[in-house]
Amino acid sequence: MPSGRVHTLINSGAYLLTVAGAAYAAHTDLYTVSVRDAAGFSAAFWAGTLLLSPDLDLAEGQVSSKRAWGPLGFIWVPYGKMFSHRGLSHSWLIGPLTRIGYLALIVWALLYLLRLTVPDLYAALPRSGLPLEWNFWVPILTGYYLSQWLHLIADGIAPDTGFGRLGRKLRANTPFRRKRARRR
């Protein structure tokens, strides 16, 4: 399996190809990418590559994603205890959502704690006002998921892998497989 450095090199190469393709499309008037979309895609891609790697399920070890968090790397230790390596956290759709959800839960808890302990400071925080339009989120989700999927491809995890052990259990209990198992 590739190391964290190799995963970063693979994603860097893919990013350069993506940027070159977007530049070519813009140059030939096939497609124009707005600055907002390019920035959203790029920020999400690099956050997914460097900070939110699927290998955070090994957070007790010294994985590159955990080291990238610096002194805050400890926040990923509970995540690593919740998920087994290459289990649900390495699935194609749910895995990336587990890391975003885990991080959102931590941010929510910190904001709630701030609201309870220092309400004046909490009230002074700017409100995000993030757009809810789908076209704002498409480049962000595309960048994030592309970075995650490149990692899974490099690890040899196919899109039809399912949910790790759960997927294998469900496939093993299909009527066709049970009949074949009885014949043996």
C-alpha atoms as a PDB file:
ATOM      1  CA  MET A   1       0.000   0.000   0.000  1.00  0.00           C
ATOM      2  CA  PRO A   2       1.263   3.486  -0.781  1.00  0.00           C
ATOM      3  CA  SER A   3       2.651   5.681   1.961  1.00  0.00           C
ATOM      4  CA  GLY A   4       1.188   9.093   2.781  1.00  0.00           C
ATOM      5  CA  ARG A   5       3.895  10.722   0.682  1.00  0.00           C
ATOM      6  CA  VAL A   6       3.022   8.570  -2.347  1.00  0.00           C
ATOM      7  CA  HIS A   7      -0.689   9.372  -1.927  1.00  0.00           C
ATOM      8  CA  THR A   8       0.193  13.075  -1.917  1.00  0.00           C
ATOM      9  CA  LEU A   9       2.329  12.672  -5.064  1.00  0.00           C
ATOM     10  CA  ILE A  10      -0.476  10.814  -6.851  1.00  0.00           C
ATOM     11  CA  ASN A  11      -2.997  13.507  -5.899  1.00  0.00           C
ATOM     12  CA  SER A  12      -0.557  16.273  -6.897  1.00  0.00           C
ATOM     13  CA  GLY A  13      -0.144  14.736 -10.353  1.00  0.00           C
ATOM     14  CA  ALA A  14      -3.890  14.339 -10.769  1.00  0.00           C
ATOM     15  CA  TYR A  15      -4.420  17.932  -9.632  1.00  0.00           C
ATOM     16  CA  LEU A  16      -1.923  19.217 -12.210  1.00  0.00           C
ATOM     17  CA  LEU A  17      -3.698  17.240 -14.939  1.00  0.00           C
ATOM     18  CA  THR A  18      -7.059  18.629 -13.812  1.00  0.00           C
ATOM     19  CA  VAL A  19      -5.756  22.208 -13.819  1.00  0.00           C
ATOM     20  CA  ALA A  20      -4.159  21.684 -17.235  1.00  0.00           C
ATOM     21  CA  GLY A  21      -7.451  20.291 -18.563  1.00  0.00           C
ATOM     22  CA  ALA A  22      -9.414  23.228 -17.146  1.00  0.00           C
ATOM     23  CA  ALA A  23      -6.900  25.704 -18.600  1.00  0.00           C
ATOM     24  CA  TYR A  24      -7.129  24.026 -22.005  1.00  0.00           C
ATOM     25  CA  ALA A  25     -10.937  24.045 -21.869  1.00  0.00           C
ATOM     26  CA  ALA A  26     -10.937  27.734 -20.980  1.00  0.00           C
ATOM     27  CA  HIS A  27      -8.372  28.542 -23.698  1.00  0.00           C
ATOM     28  CA  THR A  28     -10.400  26.779 -26.395  1.00  0.00           C
ATOM     29  CA  ASP A  29     -13.696  28.195 -25.112  1.00  0.00           C
ATOM     30  CA  LEU A  30     -15.044  24.718 -24.347  1.00  0.00           C
ATOM     31  CA  TYR A  31     -15.772  25.598 -20.767  1.00  0.00           C
ATOM     32  CA  THR A  32     -15.040  28.530 -18.500  1.00  0.00           C
ATOM     33  CA  VAL A  33     -14.251  27.957 -14.845  1.00  0.00           C
ATOM     34  CA  SER A  34     -15.049  30.825 -12.502  1.00  0.00           C
ATOM     35  CA  VAL A  35     -12.498  31.921  -9.934  1.00  0.00           C
ATOM     36  CA  ARG A  36     -14.924  30.980  -7.156  1.00  0.00           C
ATOM     37  CA  ASP A  37     -15.377  27.455  -8.537  1.00  0.00           C
ATOM     38  CA  ALA A  38     -11.636  26.972  -9.083  1.00  0.00           C
ATOM     39  CA  ALA A  39     -10.861  28.190  -5.566  1.00  0.00           C
ATOM     40  CA  GLY A  40     -13.557  25.985  -4.015  1.00  0.00           C
ATOM     41  CA  PHE A  41     -12.400  22.921  -5.946  1.00  0.00           C
ATOM     42  CA  SER A  42      -8.743  23.553  -5.104  1.00  0.00           C
ATOM     43  CA  ALA A  43      -9.301  24.227  -1.403  1.00  0.00           C
ATOM     44  CA  ALA A  44     -11.479  21.133  -0.992  1.00  0.00           C
ATOM     45  CA  PHE A  45      -9.095  18.955  -3.020  1.00  0.00           C
ATOM     46  CA  TRP A  46      -6.063  19.917  -0.933  1.00  0.00           C
ATOM     47  CA  ALA A  47      -7.987  19.718   2.340  1.00  0.00           C
ATOM     48  CA  GLY A  48      -9.058  16.203   1.358  1.00  0.00           C
ATOM     49  CA  THR A  49      -5.526  15.269   0.341  1.00  0.00           C
ATOM     50  CA  LEU A  50      -3.544  16.767   3.203  1.00  0.00           C
ATOM     51  CA  LEU A  51      -5.931  17.083   6.171  1.00  0.00           C
ATOM     52  CA  LEU A  52      -8.832  14.659   5.716  1.00  0.00           C
ATOM     53  CA  SER A  53      -7.225  11.554   4.249  1.00  0.00           C
ATOM     54  CA  PRO A  54      -8.971   8.180   4.586  1.00  0.00           C
ATOM     55  CA  ASP A  55      -5.938   7.063   6.614  1.00  0.00           C
ATOM     56  CA  LEU A  56      -7.140   9.127   9.572  1.00  0.00           C
ATOM     57  CA  ASP A  57      -8.669   5.849  10.725  1.00  0.00           C
ATOM     58  CA  LEU A  58      -5.065   5.080  11.748  1.00  0.00           C
ATOM     59  CA  ALA A  59      -4.963   8.231  13.866  1.00  0.00           C
ATOM     60  CA  GLU A  60      -3.213   6.534  16.777  1.00  0.00           C
ATOM     61  CA  GLY A  61      -0.215   6.135  14.482  1.00  0.00           C
ATOM     62  CA  GLN A  62       1.811   8.847  12.836  1.00  0.00           C
ATOM     63  CA  VAL A  63      -0.039   9.216   9.545  1.00  0.00           C
ATOM     64  CA  SER A  64       0.748  12.256   7.426  1.00  0.00           C
ATOM     65  CA  SER A  65      -2.808  13.629   7.668  1.00  0.00           C
ATOM     66  CA  LYS A  66      -2.668  13.615  11.447  1.00  0.00           C
ATOM     67  CA  ARG A  67       0.764  15.279  11.417  1.00  0.00           C
ATOM     68  CA  ALA A  68      -0.619  17.962   9.073  1.00  0.00           C
ATOM     69  CA  TRP A  69      -2.994  19.007  11.861  1.00  0.00           C
ATOM     70  CA  GLY A  70       0.031  19.829  14.049  1.00  0.00           C
ATOM     71  CA  PRO A  71      -0.847  20.123  17.731  1.00  0.00           C
ATOM     72  CA  LEU A  72      -4.523  19.509  16.893  1.00  0.00           C
ATOM     73  CA  GLY A  73      -3.764  16.057  15.499  1.00  0.00           C
ATOM     74  CA  PHE A  74      -4.969  14.485  18.735  1.00  0.00           C
ATOM     75  CA  ILE A  75      -8.586  15.239  17.759  1.00  0.00           C
ATOM     76  CA  TRP A  76      -8.438  12.361  15.250  1.00  0.00           C
ATOM     77  CA  VAL A  77      -7.548   9.677  17.803  1.00  0.00           C
ATOM     78  CA  PRO A  78     -11.243   9.009  18.688  1.00  0.00           C
ATOM     79  CA  TYR A  79     -12.033   8.804  14.957  1.00  0.00           C
ATOM     80  CA  GLY A  80      -9.332   6.160  14.587  1.00  0.00           C
ATOM     81  CA  LYS A  81     -10.845   4.209  17.477  1.00  0.00           C
ATOM     82  CA  MET A  82     -14.364   4.404  15.983  1.00  0.00           C
ATOM     83  CA  PHE A  83     -13.378   3.079  12.556  1.00  0.00           C
ATOM     84  CA  SER A  84     -11.262   0.078  11.694  1.00  0.00           C
ATOM     85  CA  HIS A  85      -8.630   0.665   9.038  1.00  0.00           C
ATOM     86  CA  ARG A  86      -9.993   0.087   5.555  1.00  0.00           C
ATOM     87  CA  GLY A  87     -13.489  -0.415   6.936  1.00  0.00           C
ATOM     88  CA  LEU A  88     -16.381   2.008   6.524  1.00  0.00           C
ATOM     89  CA  SER A  89     -13.993   4.981   6.511  1.00  0.00           C
ATOM     90  CA  HIS A  90     -12.485   3.637   3.274  1.00  0.00           C
ATOM     91  CA  SER A  91     -15.802   3.347   1.416  1.00  0.00           C
ATOM     92  CA  TRP A  92     -16.397   5.522  -1.620  1.00  0.00           C
ATOM     93  CA  LEU A  93     -19.425   7.543  -0.520  1.00  0.00           C
ATOM     94  CA  ILE A  94     -19.837   7.150   3.236  1.00  0.00           C
ATOM     95  CA  GLY A  95     -16.130   7.285   4.136  1.00  0.00           C
ATOM     96  CA  PRO A  96     -15.555  10.921   3.102  1.00  0.00           C
ATOM     97  CA  LEU A  97     -18.801  11.899   4.841  1.00  0.00           C
ATOM     98  CA  THR A  98     -17.628  10.313   8.111  1.00  0.00           C
ATOM     99  CA  ARG A  99     -14.618  12.644   8.234  1.00  0.00           C
ATOM    100  CA  ILE A 100     -16.655  15.752   7.370  1.00  0.00           C
ATOM    101  CA  GLY A 101     -19.340  14.770   9.889  1.00  0.00           C
ATOM    102  CA  TYR A 102     -16.764  14.079  12.610  1.00  0.00           C
ATOM    103  CA  LEU A 103     -15.086  17.440  12.024  1.00  0.00           C
ATOM    104  CA  ALA A 104     -18.458  19.252  11.924  1.00  0.00           C
ATOM    105  CA  LEU A 105     -19.405  17.637  15.234  1.00  0.00           C
ATOM    106  CA  ILE A 106     -16.183  18.900  16.849  1.00  0.00           C
ATOM    107  CA  VAL A 107     -16.711  22.429  15.518  1.00  0.00           C
ATOM    108  CA  TRP A 108     -20.342  22.388  16.682  1.00  0.00           C
ATOM    109  CA  ALA A 109     -19.291  21.202  20.174  1.00  0.00           C
ATOM    110  CA  LEU A 110     -16.645  23.935  20.426  1.00  0.00           C
ATOM    111  CA  LEU A 111     -19.107  26.623  19.339  1.00  0.00           C
ATOM    112  CA  TYR A 112     -21.699  25.319  21.797  1.00  0.00           C
ATOM    113  CA  LEU A 113     -19.121  25.336  24.596  1.00  0.00           C
ATOM    114  CA  LEU A 114     -18.108  28.886  23.645  1.00  0.00           C
ATOM    115  CA  ARG A 115     -21.758  29.952  23.664  1.00  0.00           C
ATOM    116  CA  LEU A 116     -22.220  28.560  27.180  1.00  0.00           C
ATOM    117  CA  THR A 117     -18.980  29.872  28.678  1.00  0.00           C
ATOM    118  CA  VAL A 118     -18.388  33.198  26.880  1.00  0.00           C
ATOM    119  CA  PRO A 119     -21.695  34.297  25.351  1.00  0.00           C
ATOM    120  CA  ASP A 120     -20.423  37.792  24.447  1.00  0.00           C
ATOM    121  CA  LEU A 121     -17.558  36.355  22.396  1.00  0.00           C
ATOM    122  CA  TYR A 122     -19.914  33.859  20.763  1.00  0.00           C
ATOM    123  CA  ALA A 123     -22.306  36.689  19.828  1.00  0.00           C
ATOM    124  CA  ALA A 124     -19.419  38.628  18.257  1.00  0.00           C
ATOM    125  CA  LEU A 125     -18.508  35.760  15.908  1.00  0.00           C
ATOM    126  CA  PRO A 126     -19.397  36.397  12.284  1.00  0.00           C
ATOM    127  CA  ARG A 127     -22.167  34.230  10.883  1.00  0.00           C
ATOM    128  CA  SER A 128     -21.092  32.182   7.891  1.00  0.00           C
ATOM    129  CA  GLY A 129     -23.840  33.051   5.442  1.00  0.00           C
ATOM    130  CA  LEU A 130     -22.723  30.206   3.147  1.00  0.00           C
ATOM    131  CA  PRO A 131     -24.825  29.935   0.024  1.00  0.00           C
ATOM    132  CA  LEU A 132     -27.251  27.051  -0.141  1.00  0.00           C
ATOM    133  CA  GLU A 133     -27.318  26.912  -3.937  1.00  0.00           C
ATOM    134  CA  TRP A 134     -26.195  23.605  -5.375  1.00  0.00           C
ATOM    135  CA  ASN A 135     -23.852  25.249  -7.927  1.00  0.00           C
ATOM    136  CA  PHE A 136     -21.772  26.666  -5.040  1.00  0.00           C
ATOM    137  CA  TRP A 137     -21.211  23.197  -3.536  1.00  0.00           C
ATOM    138  CA  VAL A 138     -20.590  21.164  -6.711  1.00  0.00           C
ATOM    139  CA  PRO A 139     -16.926  22.204  -7.197  1.00  0.00           C
ATOM    140  CA  ILE A 140     -16.239  21.846  -3.463  1.00  0.00           C
ATOM    141  CA  LEU A 141     -17.740  18.359  -3.281  1.00  0.00           C
ATOM    142  CA  THR A 142     -16.035  17.401  -6.545  1.00  0.00           C
ATOM    143  CA  GLY A 143     -12.620  18.472  -5.269  1.00  0.00           C
ATOM    144  CA  TYR A 144     -13.054  16.751  -1.926  1.00  0.00           C
ATOM    145  CA  TYR A 145     -14.432  13.490  -3.309  1.00  0.00           C
ATOM    146  CA  LEU A 146     -11.854  13.361  -6.118  1.00  0.00           C
ATOM    147  CA  SER A 147      -9.045  13.590  -3.563  1.00  0.00           C
ATOM    148  CA  GLN A 148     -10.632  10.787  -1.517  1.00  0.00           C
ATOM    149  CA  TRP A 149     -11.271   8.546  -4.521  1.00  0.00           C
ATOM    150  CA  LEU A 150      -7.706   8.896  -5.771  1.00  0.00           C
ATOM    151  CA  HIS A 151      -6.551   7.677  -2.363  1.00  0.00           C
ATOM    152  CA  LEU A 152      -8.905   4.679  -2.506  1.00  0.00           C
ATOM    153  CA  ILE A 153      -7.847   3.811  -6.067  1.00  0.00           C
ATOM    154  CA  ALA A 154      -4.188   3.896  -5.011  1.00  0.00           C
ATOM    155  CA  ASP A 155      -5.067   1.582  -2.113  1.00  0.00           C
ATOM    156  CA  GLY A 156      -6.709  -0.828  -4.571  1.00  0.00           C
ATOM    157  CA  ILE A 157     -10.215  -0.333  -3.186  1.00  0.00           C
ATOM    158  CA  ALA A 158     -12.767  -0.672  -5.959  1.00  0.00           C
ATOM    159  CA  PRO A 159     -15.981   1.392  -6.049  1.00  0.00           C
ATOM    160  CA  ASP A 160     -18.059  -1.766  -5.707  1.00  0.00           C
ATOM    161  CA  THR A 161     -16.318  -2.761  -2.482  1.00  0.00           C
ATOM    162  CA  GLY A 162     -19.391  -1.678  -0.548  1.00  0.00           C
ATOM    163  CA  PHE A 163     -19.174  -0.937   3.135  1.00  0.00           C
ATOM    164  CA  GLY A 164     -16.221  -3.143   4.043  1.00  0.00           C
ATOM    165  CA  ARG A 165     -17.240  -6.070   6.215  1.00  0.00           C
ATOM    166  CA  LEU A 166     -20.913  -5.064   6.069  1.00  0.00           C
ATOM    167  CA  GLY A 167     -20.866  -5.240   2.271  1.00  0.00           C
ATOM    168  CA  ARG A 168     -19.189  -8.663   2.344  1.00  0.00           C
ATOM    169  CA  LYS A 169     -21.756  -9.939   4.840  1.00  0.00           C
ATOM    170  CA  LEU A 170     -24.645  -8.665   2.728  1.00  0.00           C
ATOM    171  CA  ARG A 171     -23.203 -10.175  -0.454  1.00  0.00           C
ATOM    172  CA  ALA A 172     -22.502 -13.488   1.318  1.00  0.00           C
ATOM    173  CA  ASN A 173     -26.118 -13.759   2.470  1.00  0.00           C
ATOM    174  CA  THR A 174     -27.739 -13.390  -0.923  1.00  0.00           C
ATOM    175  CA  PRO A 175     -29.931 -16.381  -1.914  1.00  0.00           C
ATOM    176  CA  PHE A 176     -27.634 -17.233  -4.841  1.00  0.00           C
ATOM    177  CA  ARG A 177     -24.550 -17.434  -2.641  1.00  0.00           C
ATOM    178  CA  ARG A 178     -26.341 -19.478   0.026  1.00  0.00           C
ATOM    179  CA  LYS A 179     -27.411 -22.077  -2.557  1.00  0.00           C
ATOM    180  CA  ARG A 180     -23.872 -22.337  -3.898  1.00  0.00           C
ATOM    181  CA  ALA A 181     -22.489 -22.724  -0.387  1.00  0.00           C
ATOM    182  CA  ARG A 182     -24.885 -25.632   0.324  1.00  0.00           C
ATOM    183  CA  ARG A 183     -23.865 -27.511  -2.823  1.00  0.00           C
ATOM    184  CA  ARG A 184     -20.241 -27.739  -1.764  1.00  0.00           C
END
